[in-house]
Amino acid sequence: MVAKIKVDFEDALTLAGFGKFNVVLTLATISVILSMTFEIFSVSYLVPASACELKTTVPQQGLMAAVPVLGIIATSHIWGYLADTRGRTTVLAWCMTLSFIFGSLNTLAPNWIVFSVLKFISSSAVAGTYALAITLLSECTLQSCRSKMVALTSTVFVGSTATMAILSVPVLQLKFSYDIPTLGITFNSWRLLNLVYALPCAIGTLCMYLSYESPRYLVMIGDEEKALEVLRGIFSINTGKPKEEYKVESVTLGEESGKPTKGLIASIISQTVPLLKPPLLKKTILLSIMFIIVYFGINPFIVWLPFIADAMMTSIRNGDKDFKMCDMIRSSQNATAVAVEAENQDCSLDSYAMMAVFGTNTILATLNIGLSSLINVVGRKRMLIAIQLFAGAAGLCINLSSIWQLNAVLLVGYVLAVLNFGYISTICVEVFPTYVKAMAVCLTLMVGRGSSVLGINILKNMMVSDCEAAFYMFPSLTFAGGIFAFCLPDGDNKKPQKKVDDTET
């Protein structure tokens, strides 16, 4: 009888190695996260820059900025279901394609309502991409490197927002306009910037069409032979050896798999119900609450960071250097209101402010690289708690100073908590079984992002009506989140790596 090696999936993945394939997959994941970030956070730049042409009010701007998150809430559940039943790469390719089409069409929006509708559709298309991308990455990366690689996606996310800021500087400064009477619009700099932000989706589409499917997913659905073929391909790319030298001929997942069901609704329910009953219910609730705290407390400041930076630079330029943060914001709002009503309109964002946003996000991305290298030593849960408490304390101090340089440093310290988007996600992909993993990440992210819709609108209105209270309320919640994080499941897999033994079958 021919001797075969039958191993646990984690051991099979370890035998495939870590190398060039993982680098290429990481680059593909980066393209997806870049596309998602550009699509979702483009409103941070497009909404203020379009205010003059579209003549939007503060409530309308708040709604426009929140629309992408509404799109995410509307379809995250669906994308999670499809990824767990149709495959990670297939669904990601669909998402990227749809987002590119509707994101590009938004360039021609004649008013804020059409802008919001098209942004809702394009954002709905990328609703699950971040969750699915990190799920794909984690399922193709060996266990010893997994936490570090997934945590580094936060660097990609923050780096993407930095890239958006630096792209906005030359584009928004362009002074051109072309009337398109048929559509009733003027093609100008903010519309060109919208098109630039849509282009990464095309790259993401190509990357996903060329990527391997997750071998873990293939084992889970019972397609062991195809999973082995993928593992052989990974082995060959990583080692440079022929596929035939990969000795594994049978793989076991070593965890529960879902029960097959017939019908779309029944299938969606079967993917969701396990998350809402023991033993997964407690994990679902705890991680959902943590996502709510982080997204409600931090995401609104990430969305409005260009607005805040522009307000600070406008105030400094006008000689109001000794103002507190909220006084600077109110002064800028008055200037913008005058610009909207003036005949010679100029709502372009300050170039120095955008450079400041770029610098802030670059600092955060660099910090995350350093912190991610320590995650296996410190542990993701301890890292999450430390960042959350530090950020909350920094945010609570912003109201106390009239030194703009100190306020800028404190603001950077507060938005540092954006890195916890990645750390919570790493816990999420580790503690849920494969057959509901994508659904779990999408569902918990959806709950968190849902809270940020409320936060985005509350923050924009409070910065006009009760700014000081905003800088106490949001950081207080962030600090409380650091305490709540002690209740989270650890997610750090401490099981010793097993040796692979030959067994006969």
Protein backbone atom coordinates (compact mmCIF):
# COMPACT_ATOMS: atom_id res chain seq x y z
CA MET A 1 0.00 0.00 0.00
CA VAL A 2 1.26 3.50 -0.89
CA ALA A 3 2.16 5.64 2.09
CA LYS A 4 0.38 8.98 2.19
CA ILE A 5 0.74 11.93 4.48
CA LYS A 6 -2.53 13.01 6.05
CA VAL A 7 -2.17 16.20 8.06
CA ASP A 8 -4.11 18.96 9.73
CA PHE A 9 -4.63 21.98 7.48
CA GLU A 10 -2.39 24.23 9.58
CA ASP A 11 0.45 21.74 9.22
CA ALA A 12 -0.19 21.45 5.47
CA LEU A 13 0.01 25.23 5.19
CA THR A 14 3.24 25.25 7.20
CA LEU A 15 4.76 22.70 4.81
CA ALA A 16 3.82 25.01 1.91
CA GLY A 17 6.09 27.62 3.50
CA PHE A 18 6.19 31.39 3.66
CA GLY A 19 7.77 33.36 0.83
CA LYS A 20 7.11 34.89 -2.57
CA PHE A 21 3.49 33.72 -2.75
CA ASN A 22 2.68 35.41 0.54
CA VAL A 23 4.33 38.62 -0.64
CA VAL A 24 2.28 38.60 -3.86
CA LEU A 25 -0.93 37.79 -1.97
CA THR A 26 -0.21 40.61 0.45
CA LEU A 27 0.19 43.00 -2.49
CA ALA A 28 -3.14 41.77 -3.90
CA THR A 29 -4.74 42.31 -0.48
CA ILE A 30 -3.24 45.78 -0.38
CA SER A 31 -4.87 46.59 -3.74
CA VAL A 32 -8.27 45.56 -2.35
CA ILE A 33 -7.90 47.51 0.90
CA LEU A 34 -6.62 50.53 -1.05
CA SER A 35 -9.69 50.34 -3.31
CA MET A 36 -12.05 50.05 -0.34
CA THR A 37 -10.43 52.95 1.50
CA PHE A 38 -10.47 55.22 -1.54
CA GLU A 39 -14.13 54.46 -2.20
CA ILE A 40 -15.36 54.81 1.39
CA PHE A 41 -13.23 57.76 2.54
CA SER A 42 -13.25 59.74 -0.67
CA VAL A 43 -16.17 61.67 0.84
CA SER A 44 -13.70 63.20 3.32
CA TYR A 45 -12.27 65.20 0.42
CA LEU A 46 -15.10 65.30 -2.13
CA VAL A 47 -17.83 66.58 0.20
CA PRO A 48 -16.00 69.75 1.34
CA ALA A 49 -14.49 70.34 -2.12
CA SER A 50 -17.89 70.07 -3.85
CA ALA A 51 -19.73 72.27 -1.34
CA CYS A 52 -19.54 75.39 -3.52
CA GLU A 53 -20.71 73.81 -6.78
CA LEU A 54 -23.41 71.61 -5.22
CA LYS A 55 -24.35 74.29 -2.64
CA THR A 56 -24.72 71.78 0.18
CA THR A 57 -25.72 72.64 3.74
CA VAL A 58 -24.10 71.19 6.88
CA PRO A 59 -26.82 68.51 7.33
CA GLN A 60 -26.55 67.57 3.64
CA GLN A 61 -22.78 67.27 3.94
CA GLY A 62 -23.22 65.04 6.99
CA LEU A 63 -25.57 62.77 5.05
CA MET A 64 -23.25 62.63 2.03
CA ALA A 65 -20.34 61.66 4.27
CA ALA A 66 -22.39 58.96 6.00
CA VAL A 67 -23.79 57.39 2.81
CA PRO A 68 -20.79 55.06 2.24
CA VAL A 69 -21.27 53.57 5.69
CA LEU A 70 -24.99 53.13 5.00
CA GLY A 71 -24.03 51.19 1.87
CA ILE A 72 -21.76 48.98 3.93
CA ILE A 73 -24.51 48.25 6.44
CA ALA A 74 -26.98 47.40 3.68
CA THR A 75 -24.89 44.66 2.06
CA SER A 76 -22.16 43.45 4.47
CA HIS A 77 -24.31 40.51 5.54
CA ILE A 78 -24.88 39.47 1.92
CA TRP A 79 -21.20 39.65 0.97
CA GLY A 80 -20.26 37.66 4.06
CA TYR A 81 -22.75 34.96 3.12
CA LEU A 82 -21.58 34.86 -0.50
CA ALA A 83 -17.92 34.64 0.54
CA ASP A 84 -18.66 31.67 2.81
CA THR A 85 -20.67 29.89 0.09
CA ARG A 86 -19.20 31.05 -3.26
CA GLY A 87 -15.55 31.70 -2.44
CA ARG A 88 -13.37 34.56 -1.25
CA THR A 89 -11.69 35.60 -4.51
CA THR A 90 -14.82 35.27 -6.67
CA VAL A 91 -16.83 37.59 -4.45
CA LEU A 92 -13.96 40.06 -4.12
CA ALA A 93 -13.67 40.25 -7.92
CA TRP A 94 -17.41 41.00 -8.21
CA CYS A 95 -17.14 43.68 -5.51
CA MET A 96 -14.24 45.46 -7.17
CA THR A 97 -15.91 45.44 -10.59
CA LEU A 98 -19.20 46.91 -9.40
CA SER A 99 -17.48 49.54 -7.28
CA PHE A 100 -15.33 50.71 -10.20
CA ILE A 101 -18.36 51.10 -12.49
CA PHE A 102 -20.54 53.08 -10.09
CA GLY A 103 -17.65 54.96 -8.49
CA SER A 104 -16.62 56.23 -11.93
CA LEU A 105 -20.19 57.24 -12.79
CA ASN A 106 -20.26 59.41 -9.67
CA THR A 107 -17.86 61.75 -11.44
CA LEU A 108 -20.85 62.99 -13.45
CA ALA A 109 -23.27 63.54 -10.53
CA PRO A 110 -25.30 66.77 -11.15
CA ASN A 111 -26.36 67.30 -7.51
CA TRP A 112 -25.82 65.98 -4.00
CA ILE A 113 -28.74 63.54 -4.22
CA VAL A 114 -27.39 61.74 -7.32
CA PHE A 115 -23.93 61.86 -5.75
CA SER A 116 -25.29 60.15 -2.63
CA VAL A 117 -27.22 57.48 -4.57
CA LEU A 118 -24.24 56.51 -6.73
CA LYS A 119 -21.92 56.60 -3.70
CA PHE A 120 -24.36 54.33 -1.86
CA ILE A 121 -24.24 51.76 -4.68
CA SER A 122 -20.45 51.85 -5.11
CA SER A 123 -19.93 51.66 -1.34
CA SER A 124 -22.37 48.76 -1.08
CA ALA A 125 -20.20 46.93 -3.60
CA VAL A 126 -17.08 47.24 -1.42
CA ALA A 127 -18.95 46.62 1.83
CA GLY A 128 -17.32 43.29 2.55
CA THR A 129 -13.98 43.73 0.83
CA TYR A 130 -11.88 44.56 3.90
CA ALA A 131 -13.28 41.65 5.88
CA LEU A 132 -12.96 39.25 2.94
CA ALA A 133 -9.45 40.42 2.08
CA ILE A 134 -8.10 39.83 5.60
CA THR A 135 -9.97 36.50 5.73
CA LEU A 136 -8.30 35.42 2.47
CA LEU A 137 -4.90 36.60 3.70
CA SER A 138 -5.24 34.82 7.06
CA GLU A 139 -6.37 31.55 5.45
CA CYS A 140 -3.34 31.50 3.14
CA THR A 141 -0.73 32.49 5.73
CA LEU A 142 0.89 30.03 8.11
CA GLN A 143 -0.03 30.40 11.76
CA SER A 144 3.25 31.81 13.06
CA CYS A 145 3.06 34.80 10.68
CA ARG A 146 -0.71 35.26 10.55
CA SER A 147 -1.30 37.80 13.30
CA LYS A 148 1.55 39.99 12.11
CA MET A 149 0.40 39.94 8.47
CA VAL A 150 -3.25 40.65 9.25
CA ALA A 151 -2.31 43.40 11.72
CA LEU A 152 -0.22 45.05 9.02
CA THR A 153 -3.42 45.58 7.02
CA SER A 154 -4.06 48.52 9.38
CA THR A 155 -0.86 50.04 8.01
CA VAL A 156 -2.28 49.61 4.51
CA PHE A 157 -5.55 51.21 5.57
CA VAL A 158 -3.86 54.21 7.21
CA GLY A 159 -1.33 54.46 4.39
CA SER A 160 -4.22 54.54 1.92
CA THR A 161 -5.78 57.53 3.67
CA ALA A 162 -2.38 59.22 3.59
CA THR A 163 -2.19 58.56 -0.16
CA MET A 164 -5.64 60.10 -0.63
CA ALA A 165 -4.50 63.28 1.10
CA ILE A 166 -1.38 63.65 -1.01
CA LEU A 167 -3.33 62.97 -4.23
CA SER A 168 -5.86 65.65 -3.35
CA VAL A 169 -3.22 68.40 -3.15
CA PRO A 170 -2.26 68.71 -6.85
CA VAL A 171 -5.67 67.70 -8.20
CA LEU A 172 -7.82 70.10 -6.16
CA GLN A 173 -5.46 72.98 -6.92
CA LEU A 174 -6.12 72.62 -10.66
CA LYS A 175 -8.03 75.62 -12.01
CA PHE A 176 -10.09 74.32 -14.91
CA SER A 177 -13.75 73.85 -15.73
CA TYR A 178 -15.57 72.34 -18.71
CA ASP A 179 -19.30 72.77 -19.03
CA ILE A 180 -21.30 69.66 -19.98
CA PRO A 181 -24.75 71.14 -20.75
CA THR A 182 -26.33 67.74 -21.46
CA LEU A 183 -25.76 66.67 -17.86
CA GLY A 184 -26.04 70.14 -16.38
CA ILE A 185 -22.63 69.93 -14.73
CA THR A 186 -19.22 71.56 -14.86
CA PHE A 187 -16.32 69.11 -14.97
CA ASN A 188 -13.72 70.50 -12.57
CA SER A 189 -11.04 69.45 -10.09
CA TRP A 190 -13.19 67.66 -7.50
CA ARG A 191 -14.80 65.53 -10.22
CA LEU A 192 -11.37 64.61 -11.56
CA LEU A 193 -10.32 63.65 -8.02
CA ASN A 194 -13.38 61.37 -7.77
CA LEU A 195 -12.26 59.58 -10.94
CA VAL A 196 -8.71 59.20 -9.58
CA TYR A 197 -10.12 57.65 -6.39
CA ALA A 198 -12.15 55.14 -8.43
CA LEU A 199 -9.20 53.79 -10.44
CA PRO A 200 -7.72 51.46 -7.74
CA CYS A 201 -10.88 49.33 -7.96
CA ALA A 202 -9.87 48.36 -11.50
CA ILE A 203 -6.49 47.19 -10.23
CA GLY A 204 -8.15 45.28 -7.37
CA THR A 205 -10.44 43.54 -9.85
CA LEU A 206 -7.52 42.27 -11.90
CA CYS A 207 -5.65 41.08 -8.79
CA MET A 208 -8.59 39.05 -7.53
CA TYR A 209 -9.25 37.41 -10.91
CA LEU A 210 -5.62 36.23 -10.92
CA SER A 211 -5.46 35.10 -7.27
CA TYR A 212 -5.68 31.59 -5.82
CA GLU A 213 -8.82 30.72 -3.90
CA SER A 214 -8.38 30.15 -0.16
CA PRO A 215 -7.28 26.52 0.33
CA ARG A 216 -8.91 26.50 3.76
CA TYR A 217 -12.23 27.47 2.20
CA LEU A 218 -11.84 24.73 -0.43
CA VAL A 219 -11.25 22.10 2.27
CA MET A 220 -14.26 23.41 4.17
CA ILE A 221 -16.61 22.95 1.17
CA GLY A 222 -15.22 19.45 0.53
CA ASP A 223 -13.10 20.19 -2.55
CA GLU A 224 -9.95 18.63 -1.07
CA GLU A 225 -8.28 17.94 -4.40
CA LYS A 226 -8.51 21.56 -5.52
CA ALA A 227 -7.27 22.68 -2.10
CA LEU A 228 -4.25 20.39 -2.45
CA GLU A 229 -3.59 21.81 -5.92
CA VAL A 230 -3.58 25.32 -4.45
CA LEU A 231 -1.25 24.22 -1.64
CA ARG A 232 1.09 22.65 -4.18
CA GLY A 233 1.09 25.92 -6.11
CA ILE A 234 1.87 27.90 -2.94
CA PHE A 235 4.68 25.44 -2.12
CA SER A 236 6.17 25.73 -5.59
CA ILE A 237 6.06 29.54 -5.63
CA ASN A 238 7.52 29.83 -2.14
CA THR A 239 10.32 27.27 -2.52
CA GLY A 240 10.99 27.23 -6.26
CA LYS A 241 10.65 23.44 -6.22
CA PRO A 242 8.35 21.33 -8.44
CA LYS A 243 4.80 20.84 -7.17
CA GLU A 244 5.42 17.08 -7.06
CA GLU A 245 7.78 17.51 -4.11
CA TYR A 246 4.91 18.67 -1.90
CA LYS A 247 4.19 15.42 -0.07
CA VAL A 248 0.80 16.12 1.51
CA GLU A 249 -1.93 14.04 -0.12
CA SER A 250 -4.79 14.43 2.34
CA VAL A 251 -5.88 17.33 4.55
CA THR A 252 -8.24 17.55 7.51
CA LEU A 253 -9.63 20.87 8.69
CA GLY A 254 -9.87 19.91 12.35
CA GLU A 255 -12.95 22.03 13.07
CA GLU A 256 -16.71 21.99 12.69
CA SER A 257 -18.16 22.62 9.24
CA GLY A 258 -21.58 23.96 8.47
CA LYS A 259 -24.54 21.82 7.50
CA PRO A 260 -25.59 22.10 3.83
CA THR A 261 -28.98 23.73 3.24
CA LYS A 262 -31.18 24.32 0.22
CA GLY A 263 -32.50 27.73 -0.81
CA LEU A 264 -30.98 31.20 -0.57
CA ILE A 265 -32.81 32.38 2.56
CA ALA A 266 -32.27 29.11 4.38
CA SER A 267 -28.60 29.19 3.45
CA ILE A 268 -28.13 32.76 4.72
CA ILE A 269 -29.87 31.85 7.96
CA SER A 270 -27.69 28.77 8.38
CA GLN A 271 -24.59 30.97 8.07
CA THR A 272 -25.90 33.52 10.58
CA VAL A 273 -27.62 31.45 13.27
CA PRO A 274 -24.41 29.83 14.60
CA LEU A 275 -23.11 33.30 15.41
CA LEU A 276 -26.23 34.08 17.46
CA LYS A 277 -26.23 31.07 19.75
CA PRO A 278 -23.72 29.40 22.08
CA PRO A 279 -20.81 28.80 21.91
CA LEU A 280 -20.23 31.65 19.41
CA LEU A 281 -22.85 34.09 20.75
CA LYS A 282 -20.65 35.55 23.49
CA LYS A 283 -17.80 36.17 21.04
CA THR A 284 -20.19 37.78 18.54
CA ILE A 285 -21.62 40.14 21.18
CA LEU A 286 -18.28 41.15 22.68
CA LEU A 287 -16.60 41.80 19.34
CA SER A 288 -19.65 43.67 18.00
CA ILE A 289 -19.66 45.97 21.05
CA MET A 290 -15.94 46.60 20.66
CA PHE A 291 -16.36 47.41 16.97
CA ILE A 292 -19.19 49.83 17.90
CA ILE A 293 -16.98 51.62 20.43
CA VAL A 294 -14.03 51.94 18.06
CA TYR A 295 -16.01 52.88 14.96
CA PHE A 296 -18.33 55.35 16.72
CA GLY A 297 -15.46 56.97 18.59
CA ILE A 298 -12.78 57.10 15.90
CA ASN A 299 -14.26 56.72 12.41
CA PRO A 300 -16.05 60.11 12.46
CA PHE A 301 -12.72 61.83 13.18
CA ILE A 302 -11.04 59.91 10.35
CA VAL A 303 -13.82 61.01 7.97
CA TRP A 304 -13.66 64.64 9.06
CA LEU A 305 -9.88 64.81 9.60
CA PRO A 306 -9.32 66.78 6.35
CA PHE A 307 -12.06 69.20 7.48
CA ILE A 308 -10.46 69.62 10.94
CA ALA A 309 -6.96 70.04 9.47
CA ASP A 310 -8.30 72.59 6.96
CA ALA A 311 -9.97 74.50 9.80
CA MET A 312 -6.74 74.63 11.79
CA MET A 313 -4.67 75.82 8.82
CA THR A 314 -7.28 78.42 7.82
CA SER A 315 -7.33 79.77 11.35
CA ILE A 316 -3.53 79.93 11.54
CA ARG A 317 -3.37 81.64 8.15
CA ASN A 318 -5.84 84.25 9.43
CA GLY A 319 -3.59 84.94 12.44
CA ASP A 320 -5.71 83.09 15.03
CA LYS A 321 -2.87 80.89 16.29
CA ASP A 322 -3.82 81.12 19.98
CA PHE A 323 -7.34 79.79 19.51
CA LYS A 324 -8.43 76.51 21.01
CA MET A 325 -9.33 73.71 18.59
CA CYS A 326 -13.05 74.42 18.60
CA ASP A 327 -12.55 78.17 18.09
CA MET A 328 -10.46 77.36 15.00
CA ILE A 329 -13.21 75.11 13.64
CA ARG A 330 -15.92 77.73 14.18
CA SER A 331 -13.81 80.40 12.50
CA SER A 332 -13.29 78.15 9.46
CA GLN A 333 -17.00 77.34 9.23
CA ASN A 334 -17.85 81.03 9.02
CA ALA A 335 -15.31 81.48 6.21
CA THR A 336 -16.75 78.50 4.27
CA ALA A 337 -20.32 79.83 4.61
CA VAL A 338 -19.18 83.12 3.06
CA ALA A 339 -17.44 81.26 0.21
CA VAL A 340 -20.59 79.27 -0.64
CA GLU A 341 -22.63 82.46 -0.99
CA ALA A 342 -19.96 84.41 -2.88
CA GLU A 343 -19.91 84.67 -6.65
CA ASN A 344 -16.18 83.92 -6.82
CA GLN A 345 -16.45 80.60 -5.04
CA ASP A 346 -13.46 78.70 -3.68
CA CYS A 347 -14.08 75.64 -1.51
CA SER A 348 -10.79 73.93 -2.28
CA LEU A 349 -9.06 72.41 0.73
CA ASP A 350 -5.91 74.05 2.01
CA SER A 351 -2.86 72.31 0.51
CA TYR A 352 -0.89 72.61 3.75
CA ALA A 353 -3.78 71.04 5.62
CA MET A 354 -3.77 68.10 3.22
CA MET A 355 -0.02 67.73 3.70
CA ALA A 356 -0.69 67.66 7.45
CA VAL A 357 -3.26 64.88 6.93
CA PHE A 358 -0.71 63.02 4.83
CA GLY A 359 1.90 63.45 7.56
CA THR A 360 -0.52 62.29 10.27
CA ASN A 361 -1.47 59.14 8.41
CA THR A 362 2.15 58.42 7.49
CA ILE A 363 3.10 58.62 11.17
CA LEU A 364 0.26 56.26 12.07
CA ALA A 365 1.22 53.80 9.32
CA THR A 366 4.85 53.82 10.47
CA LEU A 367 3.82 53.30 14.10
CA ASN A 368 1.65 50.37 13.10
CA ILE A 369 4.57 48.66 11.36
CA GLY A 370 6.54 48.87 14.58
CA LEU A 371 3.63 47.80 16.78
CA SER A 372 2.73 44.90 14.47
CA SER A 373 6.26 43.54 14.80
CA LEU A 374 5.65 43.32 18.56
CA ILE A 375 2.21 41.73 18.40
CA ASN A 376 3.45 38.16 18.87
CA VAL A 377 5.40 39.28 21.94
CA VAL A 378 2.86 41.60 23.55
CA GLY A 379 -0.34 39.90 22.31
CA ARG A 380 -3.03 41.53 20.20
CA LYS A 381 -5.44 42.01 23.12
CA ARG A 382 -2.90 43.85 25.28
CA MET A 383 -1.90 45.96 22.29
CA LEU A 384 -5.54 46.86 21.61
CA ILE A 385 -6.14 47.88 25.25
CA ALA A 386 -2.99 50.02 25.45
CA ILE A 387 -3.75 51.90 22.22
CA GLN A 388 -7.38 52.47 23.19
CA LEU A 389 -6.55 53.89 26.62
CA PHE A 390 -3.74 56.10 25.28
CA ALA A 391 -5.91 57.47 22.47
CA GLY A 392 -8.81 58.22 24.80
CA ALA A 393 -6.55 60.10 27.24
CA ALA A 394 -4.99 62.14 24.39
CA GLY A 395 -8.41 63.07 23.02
CA LEU A 396 -9.68 64.24 26.41
CA CYS A 397 -6.77 66.72 26.63
CA ILE A 398 -7.50 68.48 23.30
CA ASN A 399 -10.02 70.90 24.83
CA LEU A 400 -7.55 72.04 27.48
CA SER A 401 -4.92 73.69 25.28
CA SER A 402 -4.77 76.84 23.14
CA ILE A 403 -1.36 75.86 21.72
CA TRP A 404 -2.12 74.67 18.21
CA GLN A 405 1.06 72.57 17.94
CA LEU A 406 0.14 70.66 21.09
CA ASN A 407 -3.43 70.21 19.88
CA ALA A 408 -2.11 68.76 16.62
CA VAL A 409 -0.01 66.24 18.54
CA LEU A 410 -2.95 65.31 20.78
CA LEU A 411 -5.20 64.88 17.74
CA VAL A 412 -2.67 62.49 16.19
CA GLY A 413 -2.56 60.62 19.50
CA TYR A 414 -6.34 60.33 19.50
CA VAL A 415 -6.72 59.04 15.94
CA LEU A 416 -4.00 56.47 16.73
CA ALA A 417 -6.93 54.30 17.84
CA VAL A 418 -7.70 53.74 14.14
CA LEU A 419 -5.05 50.99 14.32
CA ASN A 420 -7.44 49.00 16.49
CA PHE A 421 -9.63 48.37 13.43
CA GLY A 422 -6.96 45.87 12.41
CA TYR A 423 -6.27 44.43 15.86
CA ILE A 424 -9.94 43.68 16.53
CA SER A 425 -10.17 42.10 13.08
CA THR A 426 -7.21 39.82 13.85
CA ILE A 427 -9.03 38.55 16.93
CA CYS A 428 -12.19 38.08 14.89
CA VAL A 429 -10.59 35.96 12.15
CA GLU A 430 -8.89 33.79 14.78
CA VAL A 431 -11.77 32.96 17.14
CA PHE A 432 -14.46 32.00 14.60
CA PRO A 433 -14.49 28.69 12.65
CA THR A 434 -13.88 28.71 8.89
CA TYR A 435 -17.43 27.97 7.75
CA VAL A 436 -18.72 31.23 9.32
CA LYS A 437 -15.48 33.23 9.46
CA ALA A 438 -16.21 35.67 6.61
CA MET A 439 -19.80 36.09 7.80
CA ALA A 440 -18.60 36.75 11.37
CA VAL A 441 -16.11 39.41 10.30
CA CYS A 442 -18.63 41.08 7.97
CA LEU A 443 -21.43 40.97 10.56
CA THR A 444 -19.41 42.40 13.44
CA LEU A 445 -17.85 45.03 11.17
CA MET A 446 -21.33 45.91 9.88
CA VAL A 447 -22.57 46.55 13.42
CA GLY A 448 -19.56 48.74 14.16
CA ARG A 449 -19.82 50.67 10.93
CA GLY A 450 -23.52 51.18 11.56
CA SER A 451 -22.66 53.09 14.71
CA SER A 452 -20.25 55.28 12.76
CA VAL A 453 -23.12 56.55 10.55
CA LEU A 454 -24.58 58.12 13.65
CA GLY A 455 -21.16 59.28 14.82
CA ILE A 456 -20.28 60.97 11.52
CA ASN A 457 -23.46 63.08 11.55
CA ILE A 458 -23.30 63.82 15.28
CA LEU A 459 -19.67 64.96 15.09
CA LYS A 460 -20.18 67.25 12.07
CA ASN A 461 -23.17 68.96 13.70
CA MET A 462 -21.51 69.16 17.13
CA MET A 463 -18.40 70.76 15.65
CA VAL A 464 -20.68 73.61 14.59
CA SER A 465 -23.12 73.74 17.52
CA ASP A 466 -21.33 72.27 20.57
CA CYS A 467 -17.75 71.53 19.60
CA GLU A 468 -16.28 71.31 23.12
CA ALA A 469 -18.78 68.62 24.12
CA ALA A 470 -17.77 66.56 21.06
CA PHE A 471 -14.14 66.53 22.15
CA TYR A 472 -15.19 65.20 25.55
CA MET A 473 -17.88 62.72 24.46
CA PHE A 474 -16.01 60.82 21.74
CA PRO A 475 -12.66 60.44 23.58
CA SER A 476 -14.50 59.38 26.76
CA LEU A 477 -16.13 56.54 24.84
CA THR A 478 -12.76 55.60 23.37
CA PHE A 479 -11.15 55.46 26.82
CA ALA A 480 -14.06 53.37 28.14
CA GLY A 481 -13.48 51.01 25.22
CA GLY A 482 -9.99 50.31 26.51
CA ILE A 483 -11.50 49.09 29.78
CA PHE A 484 -14.18 47.04 28.02
CA ALA A 485 -11.51 45.37 25.87
CA PHE A 486 -10.41 43.33 28.92
CA CYS A 487 -13.59 41.27 28.34
CA LEU A 488 -12.66 40.27 24.76
CA PRO A 489 -11.55 36.73 23.87
CA ASP A 490 -7.77 36.62 23.60
CA GLY A 491 -7.53 35.25 20.05
CA ASP A 492 -3.85 34.42 20.46
CA ASN A 493 -3.47 30.77 19.55
CA LYS A 494 -1.08 29.32 22.09
CA LYS A 495 -1.30 25.73 20.95
CA PRO A 496 2.14 24.29 20.27
CA GLN A 497 2.93 23.49 16.67
CA LYS A 498 2.54 19.77 16.09
CA LYS A 499 5.05 17.72 14.23
CA VAL A 500 3.83 16.24 10.99
CA ASP A 501 3.82 12.45 11.06
CA ASP A 502 3.60 9.99 8.22
CA THR A 503 0.54 7.78 8.42
CA GLU A 504 -0.69 5.07 6.12
CA THR A 505 -4.13 5.12 4.65
